[in-house]
Amino acid sequence: MTHVMRQYHSSSSVLSQTMAPAVGFLGGGMMASSLIGGFLKAGTVEKASMAVAEPFAPLRDKHTASGIFASADNSEVVARSDIIWLAVKPDVLPLVLKEVAALVGTTKLVVSIAAGVSLSTMEACLPLGARVIRVMPNLPCLVGECAAGFCRGTNATDADAAAVRTLLSSVGTAEEVPAKLMDAVTGLSGSGPAYGFLLVEALADGGVRAGLPRPVAQALAAQTIKGAAAMVLATGKHPGDLKDQVCSPGGTTIAGVEALEVNGFRAAAMSAVAAATSWSIELRLEAEKSTPKSKL
């Protein structure tokens, strides 16, 4: 099998066209484990080329038991990796970057999934010319249905972006956006699963109110939302057009849609994205204030 990632190449990288990149994770928690599992299942990374740095021994042992190299030493994982995924908490990310900055240099690609940590904050902790990409994944990564947005730093190349897209596509879908829109990505897809869970719960409650047993109502509600989303993706049609296909004149569905509109459903959904986006901006600005702007 020829792995897709064997095509990864950057003019500023030590990689060649014939080498599969070694991928390392700093942080081996839930999101990192989900990404690792997706990469391995899709064959975009070989197990022998994967490494994880994790300070918590039980988590580290779990990765070791699965056949992945695991260490408590960040530097050890960085040294053996070409693409380094930062899966640590946002408040410790600058410290981790400064710890491994000399090893990262300009030959390794750094990919962060830490919420609220901007490209400029990360670049300030690394040498001039460092290649950085920021990713905002979401929780459905756990089941291979991730919706991720990503943006590239000043020195990240087209090949770097293509490599990240390929990796993310093994656990869902990925869209590249300008850095200034990453807060909007956070508000929409980053926080969006919670909105979806709330909608499924509310629909299920409605089913229970109408007489359905809770397990039946929840299963029908979840599959209905999944099916509706699948139709949008499969057909490429505007959601409004698909909605109109279901709404027969004088029928039950248009009566239900009217109830949603009267109660502000559309405005509430838009306001949720706006509120989460605003909070993401505030958190990012606070992080930038506490990070020195000097380059190494």
C-alpha atoms as a PDB file:
ATOM      1  CA  MET A   1       0.000   0.000   0.000  1.00  0.00           C
ATOM      2  CA  THR A   2       1.322   3.411  -0.956  1.00  0.00           C
ATOM      3  CA  HIS A   3       0.355   5.889   1.721  1.00  0.00           C
ATOM      4  CA  VAL A   4      -0.975   9.261   0.652  1.00  0.00           C
ATOM      5  CA  MET A   5       1.353  11.016   3.053  1.00  0.00           C
ATOM      6  CA  ARG A   6       4.397   9.718   1.202  1.00  0.00           C
ATOM      7  CA  GLN A   7       3.827  12.618  -1.186  1.00  0.00           C
ATOM      8  CA  TYR A   8       4.508  15.184   1.539  1.00  0.00           C
ATOM      9  CA  HIS A   9       7.393  17.461   0.659  1.00  0.00           C
ATOM     10  CA  SER A  10       8.400  21.005   1.529  1.00  0.00           C
ATOM     11  CA  SER A  11      11.384  22.844   0.139  1.00  0.00           C
ATOM     12  CA  SER A  12      12.272  23.974   3.668  1.00  0.00           C
ATOM     13  CA  SER A  13      11.905  20.485   5.120  1.00  0.00           C
ATOM     14  CA  VAL A  14      14.308  17.613   5.564  1.00  0.00           C
ATOM     15  CA  LEU A  15      11.693  15.309   4.049  1.00  0.00           C
ATOM     16  CA  SER A  16      11.979  13.849   0.585  1.00  0.00           C
ATOM     17  CA  GLN A  17       9.361  12.583  -1.837  1.00  0.00           C
ATOM     18  CA  THR A  18      10.161   8.972  -0.918  1.00  0.00           C
ATOM     19  CA  MET A  19       9.786   9.291   2.857  1.00  0.00           C
ATOM     20  CA  ALA A  20       6.623   8.982   4.899  1.00  0.00           C
ATOM     21  CA  PRO A  21       6.691  11.739   7.532  1.00  0.00           C
ATOM     22  CA  ALA A  22       7.079  10.846  11.167  1.00  0.00           C
ATOM     23  CA  VAL A  23       4.201  12.313  13.175  1.00  0.00           C
ATOM     24  CA  GLY A  24       4.501  13.211  16.839  1.00  0.00           C
ATOM     25  CA  PHE A  25       1.914  14.377  19.365  1.00  0.00           C
ATOM     26  CA  LEU A  26       2.761  16.481  22.396  1.00  0.00           C
ATOM     27  CA  GLY A  27      -0.147  15.496  24.601  1.00  0.00           C
ATOM     28  CA  GLY A  28      -1.856  12.131  24.385  1.00  0.00           C
ATOM     29  CA  GLY A  29      -5.363  12.794  25.684  1.00  0.00           C
ATOM     30  CA  MET A  30      -8.786  12.182  24.187  1.00  0.00           C
ATOM     31  CA  MET A  31      -8.533  14.408  21.115  1.00  0.00           C
ATOM     32  CA  ALA A  32      -4.980  13.329  20.342  1.00  0.00           C
ATOM     33  CA  SER A  33      -5.958   9.673  20.675  1.00  0.00           C
ATOM     34  CA  SER A  34      -8.878  10.184  18.305  1.00  0.00           C
ATOM     35  CA  LEU A  35      -6.691  11.849  15.696  1.00  0.00           C
ATOM     36  CA  ILE A  36      -4.024   9.172  16.032  1.00  0.00           C
ATOM     37  CA  GLY A  37      -6.606   6.419  15.623  1.00  0.00           C
ATOM     38  CA  GLY A  38      -8.041   8.085  12.535  1.00  0.00           C
ATOM     39  CA  PHE A  39      -4.639   8.619  10.936  1.00  0.00           C
ATOM     40  CA  LEU A  40      -3.660   4.997  11.496  1.00  0.00           C
ATOM     41  CA  LYS A  41      -6.997   3.570  10.368  1.00  0.00           C
ATOM     42  CA  ALA A  42      -6.894   5.569   7.128  1.00  0.00           C
ATOM     43  CA  GLY A  43      -3.281   4.605   6.493  1.00  0.00           C
ATOM     44  CA  THR A  44      -2.125   8.212   6.246  1.00  0.00           C
ATOM     45  CA  VAL A  45       0.530   7.521   8.885  1.00  0.00           C
ATOM     46  CA  GLU A  46       2.320   4.268   9.690  1.00  0.00           C
ATOM     47  CA  LYS A  47       2.350   3.110  13.310  1.00  0.00           C
ATOM     48  CA  ALA A  48       6.142   2.905  13.246  1.00  0.00           C
ATOM     49  CA  SER A  49       6.222   6.604  12.295  1.00  0.00           C
ATOM     50  CA  MET A  50       3.974   7.733  15.165  1.00  0.00           C
ATOM     51  CA  ALA A  51       5.106   8.996  18.581  1.00  0.00           C
ATOM     52  CA  VAL A  52       3.381  10.540  21.603  1.00  0.00           C
ATOM     53  CA  ALA A  53       4.708  12.609  24.496  1.00  0.00           C
ATOM     54  CA  GLU A  54       2.426  12.325  27.510  1.00  0.00           C
ATOM     55  CA  PRO A  55       3.328  13.083  31.166  1.00  0.00           C
ATOM     56  CA  PHE A  56       0.447  11.044  32.640  1.00  0.00           C
ATOM     57  CA  ALA A  57       1.729   7.477  32.949  1.00  0.00           C
ATOM     58  CA  PRO A  58      -1.592   5.608  32.466  1.00  0.00           C
ATOM     59  CA  LEU A  59      -2.243   7.454  29.196  1.00  0.00           C
ATOM     60  CA  ARG A  60       1.334   6.931  28.098  1.00  0.00           C
ATOM     61  CA  ASP A  61       1.092   3.217  28.854  1.00  0.00           C
ATOM     62  CA  LYS A  62      -2.115   3.007  26.821  1.00  0.00           C
ATOM     63  CA  HIS A  63      -0.335   4.328  23.730  1.00  0.00           C
ATOM     64  CA  THR A  64       2.624   2.036  24.314  1.00  0.00           C
ATOM     65  CA  ALA A  65       0.298  -0.957  24.604  1.00  0.00           C
ATOM     66  CA  SER A  66      -1.192  -0.096  21.204  1.00  0.00           C
ATOM     67  CA  GLY A  67       2.250  -0.270  19.611  1.00  0.00           C
ATOM     68  CA  ILE A  68       2.972   3.469  19.432  1.00  0.00           C
ATOM     69  CA  PHE A  69       6.197   4.945  20.773  1.00  0.00           C
ATOM     70  CA  ALA A  70       5.369   6.970  23.888  1.00  0.00           C
ATOM     71  CA  SER A  71       7.580   9.039  26.165  1.00  0.00           C
ATOM     72  CA  ALA A  72       7.290  11.530  29.005  1.00  0.00           C
ATOM     73  CA  ASP A  73       9.898  13.680  27.244  1.00  0.00           C
ATOM     74  CA  ASN A  74       8.595  16.251  24.734  1.00  0.00           C
ATOM     75  CA  SER A  75      12.045  16.726  23.247  1.00  0.00           C
ATOM     76  CA  GLU A  76      12.417  13.018  22.540  1.00  0.00           C
ATOM     77  CA  VAL A  77       9.216  12.973  20.494  1.00  0.00           C
ATOM     78  CA  VAL A  78      10.021  16.210  18.655  1.00  0.00           C
ATOM     79  CA  ALA A  79      13.467  14.936  17.732  1.00  0.00           C
ATOM     80  CA  ARG A  80      12.024  11.897  15.963  1.00  0.00           C
ATOM     81  CA  SER A  81       9.091  13.690  14.269  1.00  0.00           C
ATOM     82  CA  ASP A  82       8.628  15.708  11.077  1.00  0.00           C
ATOM     83  CA  ILE A  83       5.094  16.929  11.834  1.00  0.00           C
ATOM     84  CA  ILE A  84       4.437  17.844  15.472  1.00  0.00           C
ATOM     85  CA  TRP A  85       0.851  18.102  16.702  1.00  0.00           C
ATOM     86  CA  LEU A  86       0.371  20.208  19.823  1.00  0.00           C
ATOM     87  CA  ALA A  87      -2.461  18.674  21.837  1.00  0.00           C
ATOM     88  CA  VAL A  88      -1.753  20.305  25.190  1.00  0.00           C
ATOM     89  CA  LYS A  89      -3.843  22.765  27.185  1.00  0.00           C
ATOM     90  CA  PRO A  90      -3.749  26.346  25.851  1.00  0.00           C
ATOM     91  CA  ASP A  91      -2.261  27.783  29.045  1.00  0.00           C
ATOM     92  CA  VAL A  92       0.823  25.547  28.862  1.00  0.00           C
ATOM     93  CA  LEU A  93       1.305  25.600  25.088  1.00  0.00           C
ATOM     94  CA  PRO A  94       3.712  28.596  25.020  1.00  0.00           C
ATOM     95  CA  LEU A  95       5.892  26.917  27.658  1.00  0.00           C
ATOM     96  CA  VAL A  96       5.959  23.664  25.688  1.00  0.00           C
ATOM     97  CA  LEU A  97       6.884  25.493  22.484  1.00  0.00           C
ATOM     98  CA  LYS A  98       9.749  27.335  24.148  1.00  0.00           C
ATOM     99  CA  GLU A  99      10.988  24.042  25.578  1.00  0.00           C
ATOM    100  CA  VAL A 100      11.272  22.421  22.137  1.00  0.00           C
ATOM    101  CA  ALA A 101      11.897  25.521  19.990  1.00  0.00           C
ATOM    102  CA  ALA A 102      15.526  24.736  19.200  1.00  0.00           C
ATOM    103  CA  LEU A 103      14.621  21.226  18.049  1.00  0.00           C
ATOM    104  CA  VAL A 104      11.717  22.473  15.923  1.00  0.00           C
ATOM    105  CA  GLY A 105      13.766  25.039  14.018  1.00  0.00           C
ATOM    106  CA  THR A 106      12.428  25.571  10.502  1.00  0.00           C
ATOM    107  CA  THR A 107      12.580  21.984   9.265  1.00  0.00           C
ATOM    108  CA  LYS A 108       9.629  20.626  11.242  1.00  0.00           C
ATOM    109  CA  LEU A 109       5.967  21.502  10.796  1.00  0.00           C
ATOM    110  CA  VAL A 110       4.103  22.482  13.980  1.00  0.00           C
ATOM    111  CA  VAL A 111       0.336  21.904  14.051  1.00  0.00           C
ATOM    112  CA  SER A 112      -1.670  23.152  17.037  1.00  0.00           C
ATOM    113  CA  ILE A 113      -5.163  22.080  18.074  1.00  0.00           C
ATOM    114  CA  ALA A 114      -5.132  24.257  21.212  1.00  0.00           C
ATOM    115  CA  ALA A 115      -8.190  26.496  21.387  1.00  0.00           C
ATOM    116  CA  GLY A 116      -7.651  30.245  21.535  1.00  0.00           C
ATOM    117  CA  VAL A 117      -3.905  30.234  20.816  1.00  0.00           C
ATOM    118  CA  SER A 118      -3.204  32.309  17.708  1.00  0.00           C
ATOM    119  CA  LEU A 119      -0.560  31.802  15.048  1.00  0.00           C
ATOM    120  CA  SER A 120       1.247  34.935  16.198  1.00  0.00           C
ATOM    121  CA  THR A 121       1.408  33.641  19.771  1.00  0.00           C
ATOM    122  CA  MET A 122       2.927  30.362  18.611  1.00  0.00           C
ATOM    123  CA  GLU A 123       5.332  31.980  16.161  1.00  0.00           C
ATOM    124  CA  ALA A 124       6.579  34.272  18.938  1.00  0.00           C
ATOM    125  CA  CYS A 125       7.688  31.183  20.873  1.00  0.00           C
ATOM    126  CA  LEU A 126       9.587  29.633  17.955  1.00  0.00           C
ATOM    127  CA  PRO A 127      12.603  30.562  15.814  1.00  0.00           C
ATOM    128  CA  LEU A 128      12.187  32.919  12.867  1.00  0.00           C
ATOM    129  CA  GLY A 129      10.982  30.981   9.857  1.00  0.00           C
ATOM    130  CA  ALA A 130       9.172  28.308  11.882  1.00  0.00           C
ATOM    131  CA  ARG A 131       6.323  26.648  10.000  1.00  0.00           C
ATOM    132  CA  VAL A 132       3.060  26.659  11.961  1.00  0.00           C
ATOM    133  CA  ILE A 133      -0.525  25.651  11.207  1.00  0.00           C
ATOM    134  CA  ARG A 134      -3.434  26.134  13.588  1.00  0.00           C
ATOM    135  CA  VAL A 135      -6.331  23.655  13.564  1.00  0.00           C
ATOM    136  CA  MET A 136      -9.713  23.846  15.259  1.00  0.00           C
ATOM    137  CA  PRO A 137     -11.141  20.295  15.293  1.00  0.00           C
ATOM    138  CA  ASN A 138     -14.313  19.302  17.099  1.00  0.00           C
ATOM    139  CA  LEU A 139     -15.557  16.495  19.329  1.00  0.00           C
ATOM    140  CA  PRO A 140     -17.048  14.243  16.596  1.00  0.00           C
ATOM    141  CA  CYS A 141     -13.428  13.523  15.718  1.00  0.00           C
ATOM    142  CA  LEU A 142     -13.966  10.748  18.271  1.00  0.00           C
ATOM    143  CA  VAL A 143     -16.246   8.943  15.803  1.00  0.00           C
ATOM    144  CA  GLY A 144     -14.509   9.947  12.568  1.00  0.00           C
ATOM    145  CA  GLU A 145     -16.925  12.803  11.813  1.00  0.00           C
ATOM    146  CA  CYS A 146     -14.737  15.818  12.551  1.00  0.00           C
ATOM    147  CA  ALA A 147     -15.447  19.224  11.035  1.00  0.00           C
ATOM    148  CA  ALA A 148     -12.150  21.116  11.248  1.00  0.00           C
ATOM    149  CA  GLY A 149     -11.005  24.526  10.143  1.00  0.00           C
ATOM    150  CA  PHE A 150      -7.335  25.372   9.785  1.00  0.00           C
ATOM    151  CA  CYS A 151      -5.112  28.303   8.886  1.00  0.00           C
ATOM    152  CA  ARG A 152      -1.452  28.522   8.038  1.00  0.00           C
ATOM    153  CA  GLY A 153       1.227  30.732   9.529  1.00  0.00           C
ATOM    154  CA  THR A 154       3.597  33.056   7.683  1.00  0.00           C
ATOM    155  CA  ASN A 155       6.058  30.354   6.668  1.00  0.00           C
ATOM    156  CA  ALA A 156       3.812  27.313   6.207  1.00  0.00           C
ATOM    157  CA  THR A 157       3.876  26.099   2.610  1.00  0.00           C
ATOM    158  CA  ASP A 158       1.237  24.755   0.242  1.00  0.00           C
ATOM    159  CA  ALA A 159       2.685  21.289   0.859  1.00  0.00           C
ATOM    160  CA  ASP A 160       2.323  21.800   4.615  1.00  0.00           C
ATOM    161  CA  ALA A 161      -1.344  22.757   4.209  1.00  0.00           C
ATOM    162  CA  ALA A 162      -1.962  19.792   1.901  1.00  0.00           C
ATOM    163  CA  ALA A 163      -0.382  17.421   4.422  1.00  0.00           C
ATOM    164  CA  VAL A 164      -2.579  18.711   7.246  1.00  0.00           C
ATOM    165  CA  ARG A 165      -5.687  18.534   5.062  1.00  0.00           C
ATOM    166  CA  THR A 166      -4.890  14.919   4.154  1.00  0.00           C
ATOM    167  CA  LEU A 167      -4.442  13.967   7.795  1.00  0.00           C
ATOM    168  CA  LEU A 168      -7.627  15.714   8.924  1.00  0.00           C
ATOM    169  CA  SER A 169      -9.612  14.194   6.068  1.00  0.00           C
ATOM    170  CA  SER A 170      -8.991  10.786   7.606  1.00  0.00           C
ATOM    171  CA  VAL A 171     -11.160  11.775  10.592  1.00  0.00           C
ATOM    172  CA  GLY A 172     -13.761  13.927   8.834  1.00  0.00           C
ATOM    173  CA  THR A 173     -13.531  17.059   6.735  1.00  0.00           C
ATOM    174  CA  ALA A 174     -11.236  20.093   6.786  1.00  0.00           C
ATOM    175  CA  GLU A 175     -11.597  23.620   5.416  1.00  0.00           C
ATOM    176  CA  GLU A 176      -8.742  26.114   5.165  1.00  0.00           C
ATOM    177  CA  VAL A 177      -9.650  29.675   6.160  1.00  0.00           C
ATOM    178  CA  PRO A 178      -7.723  32.921   6.743  1.00  0.00           C
ATOM    179  CA  ALA A 179      -6.371  33.258  10.269  1.00  0.00           C
ATOM    180  CA  LYS A 180      -8.795  36.106  11.004  1.00  0.00           C
ATOM    181  CA  LEU A 181     -11.726  33.691  10.600  1.00  0.00           C
ATOM    182  CA  MET A 182     -10.538  31.049  13.056  1.00  0.00           C
ATOM    183  CA  ASP A 183     -12.621  32.572  15.845  1.00  0.00           C
ATOM    184  CA  ALA A 184     -15.682  32.150  13.617  1.00  0.00           C
ATOM    185  CA  VAL A 185     -14.688  28.528  13.009  1.00  0.00           C
ATOM    186  CA  THR A 186     -14.487  28.098  16.779  1.00  0.00           C
ATOM    187  CA  GLY A 187     -17.959  29.580  17.227  1.00  0.00           C
ATOM    188  CA  LEU A 188     -19.508  27.463  14.479  1.00  0.00           C
ATOM    189  CA  SER A 189     -17.919  24.028  14.170  1.00  0.00           C
ATOM    190  CA  GLY A 190     -15.734  24.063  17.284  1.00  0.00           C
ATOM    191  CA  SER A 191     -18.672  24.721  19.595  1.00  0.00           C
ATOM    192  CA  GLY A 192     -21.301  23.438  17.162  1.00  0.00           C
ATOM    193  CA  PRO A 193     -21.531  19.848  18.405  1.00  0.00           C
ATOM    194  CA  ALA A 194     -23.001  21.169  21.667  1.00  0.00           C
ATOM    195  CA  TYR A 195     -25.686  22.979  19.670  1.00  0.00           C
ATOM    196  CA  GLY A 196     -26.377  19.761  17.794  1.00  0.00           C
ATOM    197  CA  PHE A 197     -26.596  17.731  21.001  1.00  0.00           C
ATOM    198  CA  LEU A 198     -29.025  20.275  22.435  1.00  0.00           C
ATOM    199  CA  LEU A 199     -31.159  20.097  19.287  1.00  0.00           C
ATOM    200  CA  VAL A 200     -31.256  16.298  19.367  1.00  0.00           C
ATOM    201  CA  GLU A 201     -32.187  16.393  23.054  1.00  0.00           C
ATOM    202  CA  ALA A 202     -34.949  18.935  22.439  1.00  0.00           C
ATOM    203  CA  LEU A 203     -36.397  16.956  19.531  1.00  0.00           C
ATOM    204  CA  ALA A 204     -36.306  13.799  21.619  1.00  0.00           C
ATOM    205  CA  ASP A 205     -38.089  15.635  24.438  1.00  0.00           C
ATOM    206  CA  GLY A 206     -40.733  16.626  21.917  1.00  0.00           C
ATOM    207  CA  GLY A 207     -41.099  13.008  20.896  1.00  0.00           C
ATOM    208  CA  VAL A 208     -41.501  11.956  24.525  1.00  0.00           C
ATOM    209  CA  ARG A 209     -44.102  14.699  25.000  1.00  0.00           C
ATOM    210  CA  ALA A 210     -45.966  13.247  22.024  1.00  0.00           C
ATOM    211  CA  GLY A 211     -45.914   9.770  23.585  1.00  0.00           C
ATOM    212  CA  LEU A 212     -42.760   8.060  22.283  1.00  0.00           C
ATOM    213  CA  PRO A 213     -40.538   6.059  24.653  1.00  0.00           C
ATOM    214  CA  ARG A 214     -37.299   7.943  25.427  1.00  0.00           C
ATOM    215  CA  PRO A 215     -34.922   5.481  23.666  1.00  0.00           C
ATOM    216  CA  VAL A 216     -37.061   5.499  20.525  1.00  0.00           C
ATOM    217  CA  ALA A 217     -37.393   9.287  20.534  1.00  0.00           C
ATOM    218  CA  GLN A 218     -33.651   9.807  20.976  1.00  0.00           C
ATOM    219  CA  ALA A 219     -32.723   7.330  18.239  1.00  0.00           C
ATOM    220  CA  LEU A 220     -35.165   8.891  15.779  1.00  0.00           C
ATOM    221  CA  ALA A 221     -34.076  12.435  16.654  1.00  0.00           C
ATOM    222  CA  ALA A 222     -30.362  11.692  16.264  1.00  0.00           C
ATOM    223  CA  GLN A 223     -30.778   9.822  12.977  1.00  0.00           C
ATOM    224  CA  THR A 224     -33.062  12.555  11.628  1.00  0.00           C
ATOM    225  CA  ILE A 225     -30.442  15.257  12.204  1.00  0.00           C
ATOM    226  CA  LYS A 226     -27.695  12.985  10.858  1.00  0.00           C
ATOM    227  CA  GLY A 227     -29.769  12.253   7.759  1.00  0.00           C
ATOM    228  CA  ALA A 228     -30.591  15.909   7.156  1.00  0.00           C
ATOM    229  CA  ALA A 229     -26.913  16.866   7.384  1.00  0.00           C
ATOM    230  CA  ALA A 230     -25.973  13.985   5.073  1.00  0.00           C
ATOM    231  CA  MET A 231     -28.453  15.238   2.460  1.00  0.00           C
ATOM    232  CA  VAL A 232     -26.972  18.746   2.550  1.00  0.00           C
ATOM    233  CA  LEU A 233     -23.479  17.341   2.025  1.00  0.00           C
ATOM    234  CA  ALA A 234     -24.476  14.752  -0.585  1.00  0.00           C
ATOM    235  CA  THR A 235     -26.666  16.987  -2.745  1.00  0.00           C
ATOM    236  CA  GLY A 236     -24.868  20.306  -2.386  1.00  0.00           C
ATOM    237  CA  LYS A 237     -28.282  21.969  -2.329  1.00  0.00           C
ATOM    238  CA  HIS A 238     -29.135  24.942  -0.142  1.00  0.00           C
ATOM    239  CA  PRO A 239     -30.673  23.757   3.142  1.00  0.00           C
ATOM    240  CA  GLY A 240     -33.667  25.993   2.483  1.00  0.00           C
ATOM    241  CA  ASP A 241     -34.385  24.195  -0.790  1.00  0.00           C
ATOM    242  CA  LEU A 242     -34.258  20.831   0.959  1.00  0.00           C
ATOM    243  CA  LYS A 243     -36.537  22.148   3.704  1.00  0.00           C
ATOM    244  CA  ASP A 244     -39.064  23.222   1.083  1.00  0.00           C
ATOM    245  CA  GLN A 245     -39.086  19.691  -0.349  1.00  0.00           C
ATOM    246  CA  VAL A 246     -40.368  18.389   2.990  1.00  0.00           C
ATOM    247  CA  CYS A 247     -42.927  21.133   3.585  1.00  0.00           C
ATOM    248  CA  SER A 248     -46.146  20.148   1.796  1.00  0.00           C
ATOM    249  CA  PRO A 249     -48.829  22.866   1.499  1.00  0.00           C
ATOM    250  CA  GLY A 250     -50.982  22.788   4.612  1.00  0.00           C
ATOM    251  CA  GLY A 251     -48.982  19.852   5.994  1.00  0.00           C
ATOM    252  CA  THR A 252     -47.586  18.912   9.371  1.00  0.00           C
ATOM    253  CA  THR A 253     -43.998  19.917   8.603  1.00  0.00           C
ATOM    254  CA  ILE A 254     -44.743  23.529   7.680  1.00  0.00           C
ATOM    255  CA  ALA A 255     -46.761  23.787  10.900  1.00  0.00           C
ATOM    256  CA  GLY A 256     -43.706  22.637  12.832  1.00  0.00           C
ATOM    257  CA  VAL A 257     -41.418  25.020  10.929  1.00  0.00           C
ATOM    258  CA  GLU A 258     -43.789  27.888  11.719  1.00  0.00           C
ATOM    259  CA  ALA A 259     -43.557  27.054  15.424  1.00  0.00           C
ATOM    260  CA  LEU A 260     -39.743  27.156  15.224  1.00  0.00           C
ATOM    261  CA  GLU A 261     -39.782  30.520  13.448  1.00  0.00           C
ATOM    262  CA  VAL A 262     -42.311  32.057  15.854  1.00  0.00           C
ATOM    263  CA  ASN A 263     -40.124  31.005  18.785  1.00  0.00           C
ATOM    264  CA  GLY A 264     -36.923  32.457  17.329  1.00  0.00           C
ATOM    265  CA  PHE A 265     -35.149  29.218  16.434  1.00  0.00           C
ATOM    266  CA  ARG A 266     -33.159  30.690  13.555  1.00  0.00           C
ATOM    267  CA  ALA A 267     -32.100  33.791  15.514  1.00  0.00           C
ATOM    268  CA  ALA A 268     -31.148  31.680  18.534  1.00  0.00           C
ATOM    269  CA  ALA A 269     -28.843  29.498  16.427  1.00  0.00           C
ATOM    270  CA  MET A 270     -27.198  32.536  14.845  1.00  0.00           C
ATOM    271  CA  SER A 271     -26.784  34.172  18.258  1.00  0.00           C
ATOM    272  CA  ALA A 272     -25.119  31.044  19.643  1.00  0.00           C
ATOM    273  CA  VAL A 273     -22.438  31.156  16.941  1.00  0.00           C
ATOM    274  CA  ALA A 274     -21.956  34.899  17.448  1.00  0.00           C
ATOM    275  CA  ALA A 275     -21.625  34.550  21.236  1.00  0.00           C
ATOM    276  CA  ALA A 276     -19.108  31.711  21.012  1.00  0.00           C
ATOM    277  CA  THR A 277     -17.125  33.613  18.374  1.00  0.00           C
ATOM    278  CA  SER A 278     -16.968  36.720  20.578  1.00  0.00           C
ATOM    279  CA  TRP A 279     -15.760  34.700  23.553  1.00  0.00           C
ATOM    280  CA  SER A 280     -13.118  33.018  21.391  1.00  0.00           C
ATOM    281  CA  ILE A 281     -11.829  36.450  20.377  1.00  0.00           C
ATOM    282  CA  GLU A 282     -11.669  37.557  24.013  1.00  0.00           C
ATOM    283  CA  LEU A 283      -9.761  34.446  25.085  1.00  0.00           C
ATOM    284  CA  ARG A 284      -7.313  34.803  22.194  1.00  0.00           C
ATOM    285  CA  LEU A 285      -6.596  38.451  22.977  1.00  0.00           C
ATOM    286  CA  GLU A 286      -5.951  37.594  26.626  1.00  0.00           C
ATOM    287  CA  ALA A 287      -3.508  34.875  25.576  1.00  0.00           C
ATOM    288  CA  GLU A 288      -1.694  37.259  23.244  1.00  0.00           C
ATOM    289  CA  LYS A 289      -1.274  39.826  26.040  1.00  0.00           C
ATOM    290  CA  SER A 290       0.530  37.306  28.227  1.00  0.00           C
ATOM    291  CA  THR A 291       2.900  36.050  25.513  1.00  0.00           C
ATOM    292  CA  PRO A 292       6.182  37.890  24.808  1.00  0.00           C
ATOM    293  CA  LYS A 293       6.472  39.061  21.215  1.00  0.00           C
ATOM    294  CA  SER A 294      10.208  38.566  20.875  1.00  0.00           C
ATOM    295  CA  LYS A 295      11.511  35.909  18.492  1.00  0.00           C
ATOM    296  CA  LEU A 296      14.071  33.311  19.457  1.00  0.00           C
END
